[in-house]
Amino acid sequence: MNKEFVKKMIKSEMLRCSAIKEILPEPIKNRVDDFEREAAGVLKEIILETFEDKPEGKAKECKKVNIN
């Protein structure tokens, strides 16, 4: 897909969400904001754990074979 198209679609979704939050009652809006913060924290932890350098036990070996 085109990069500009993807950027604009993401921006439109963000604007749609903020417009919906504007019409919500205050207590529900606060709960949605708390949920968004918690979800962002969980996603951040998942991403950090995924890209963390972890040794995968024993190193893999390659054997050279001569074919005559």
C-alpha atoms as a PDB file:
ATOM      1  CA  MET A   1       0.000   0.000   0.000  1.00  0.00           C
ATOM      2  CA  ASN A   2       0.972   3.564  -0.457  1.00  0.00           C
ATOM      3  CA  LYS A   3       2.682   5.070   2.624  1.00  0.00           C
ATOM      4  CA  GLU A   4       0.725   8.303   2.384  1.00  0.00           C
ATOM      5  CA  PHE A   5      -2.559   6.407   2.209  1.00  0.00           C
ATOM      6  CA  VAL A   6      -1.711   4.410   5.329  1.00  0.00           C
ATOM      7  CA  LYS A   7      -0.665   7.557   7.207  1.00  0.00           C
ATOM      8  CA  LYS A   8      -3.908   9.317   6.298  1.00  0.00           C
ATOM      9  CA  MET A   9      -6.020   6.305   7.272  1.00  0.00           C
ATOM     10  CA  ILE A  10      -4.336   6.105  10.676  1.00  0.00           C
ATOM     11  CA  LYS A  11      -4.798   9.831  11.177  1.00  0.00           C
ATOM     12  CA  SER A  12      -8.478   9.600  10.229  1.00  0.00           C
ATOM     13  CA  GLU A  13      -9.022   6.779  12.753  1.00  0.00           C
ATOM     14  CA  MET A  14      -7.335   8.836  15.472  1.00  0.00           C
ATOM     15  CA  LEU A  15      -9.554  11.811  14.670  1.00  0.00           C
ATOM     16  CA  ARG A  16     -12.656   9.597  14.647  1.00  0.00           C
ATOM     17  CA  CYS A  17     -11.782   8.213  18.079  1.00  0.00           C
ATOM     18  CA  SER A  18     -11.177  11.672  19.515  1.00  0.00           C
ATOM     19  CA  ALA A  19     -14.507  12.893  18.074  1.00  0.00           C
ATOM     20  CA  ILE A  20     -16.334   9.998  19.711  1.00  0.00           C
ATOM     21  CA  LYS A  21     -14.601  10.711  23.030  1.00  0.00           C
ATOM     22  CA  GLU A  22     -15.746  14.338  22.850  1.00  0.00           C
ATOM     23  CA  ILE A  23     -19.422  13.347  22.982  1.00  0.00           C
ATOM     24  CA  LEU A  24     -19.004  10.780  25.784  1.00  0.00           C
ATOM     25  CA  PRO A  25     -20.058  11.648  29.334  1.00  0.00           C
ATOM     26  CA  GLU A  26     -17.145  12.614  31.597  1.00  0.00           C
ATOM     27  CA  PRO A  27     -17.005   9.418  33.742  1.00  0.00           C
ATOM     28  CA  ILE A  28     -16.992   7.170  30.683  1.00  0.00           C
ATOM     29  CA  LYS A  29     -14.426   9.377  28.964  1.00  0.00           C
ATOM     30  CA  ASN A  30     -12.134   9.010  31.999  1.00  0.00           C
ATOM     31  CA  ARG A  31     -12.513   5.220  31.935  1.00  0.00           C
ATOM     32  CA  VAL A  32     -11.684   5.143  28.207  1.00  0.00           C
ATOM     33  CA  ASP A  33      -8.595   7.292  28.797  1.00  0.00           C
ATOM     34  CA  ASP A  34      -7.435   4.975  31.607  1.00  0.00           C
ATOM     35  CA  PHE A  35      -7.998   1.933  29.400  1.00  0.00           C
ATOM     36  CA  GLU A  36      -5.981   3.504  26.565  1.00  0.00           C
ATOM     37  CA  ARG A  37      -3.061   4.236  28.913  1.00  0.00           C
ATOM     38  CA  GLU A  38      -3.085   0.686  30.300  1.00  0.00           C
ATOM     39  CA  ALA A  39      -3.306  -0.837  26.812  1.00  0.00           C
ATOM     40  CA  ALA A  40      -0.385   1.300  25.621  1.00  0.00           C
ATOM     41  CA  GLY A  41       1.670   0.134  28.610  1.00  0.00           C
ATOM     42  CA  VAL A  42       0.924  -3.519  27.900  1.00  0.00           C
ATOM     43  CA  LEU A  43       1.808  -3.109  24.225  1.00  0.00           C
ATOM     44  CA  LYS A  44       5.055  -1.386  25.160  1.00  0.00           C
ATOM     45  CA  GLU A  45       6.012  -4.263  27.461  1.00  0.00           C
ATOM     46  CA  ILE A  46       5.191  -6.827  24.768  1.00  0.00           C
ATOM     47  CA  ILE A  47       7.257  -5.000  22.160  1.00  0.00           C
ATOM     48  CA  LEU A  48      10.234  -4.642  24.503  1.00  0.00           C
ATOM     49  CA  GLU A  49      10.121  -8.340  25.437  1.00  0.00           C
ATOM     50  CA  THR A  50       9.786  -9.363  21.803  1.00  0.00           C
ATOM     51  CA  PHE A  51      12.827  -7.431  20.599  1.00  0.00           C
ATOM     52  CA  GLU A  52      14.958  -8.128  23.642  1.00  0.00           C
ATOM     53  CA  ASP A  53      18.138 -10.071  22.875  1.00  0.00           C
ATOM     54  CA  LYS A  54      17.717 -13.503  24.388  1.00  0.00           C
ATOM     55  CA  PRO A  55      20.186 -16.314  23.994  1.00  0.00           C
ATOM     56  CA  GLU A  56      18.360 -19.305  22.607  1.00  0.00           C
ATOM     57  CA  GLY A  57      20.306 -21.909  24.496  1.00  0.00           C
ATOM     58  CA  LYS A  58      22.935 -23.841  22.605  1.00  0.00           C
ATOM     59  CA  ALA A  59      24.436 -22.267  19.504  1.00  0.00           C
ATOM     60  CA  LYS A  60      23.601 -24.022  16.270  1.00  0.00           C
ATOM     61  CA  GLU A  61      26.390 -25.904  14.541  1.00  0.00           C
ATOM     62  CA  CYS A  62      27.140 -26.195  10.860  1.00  0.00           C
ATOM     63  CA  LYS A  63      28.996 -29.206   9.566  1.00  0.00           C
ATOM     64  CA  LYS A  64      30.961 -28.966   6.364  1.00  0.00           C
ATOM     65  CA  VAL A  65      30.624 -31.925   4.046  1.00  0.00           C
ATOM     66  CA  ASN A  66      32.961 -32.632   1.150  1.00  0.00           C
ATOM     67  CA  ILE A  67      31.361 -34.205  -1.880  1.00  0.00           C
ATOM     68  CA  ASN A  68      33.701 -36.023  -4.247  1.00  0.00           C
END
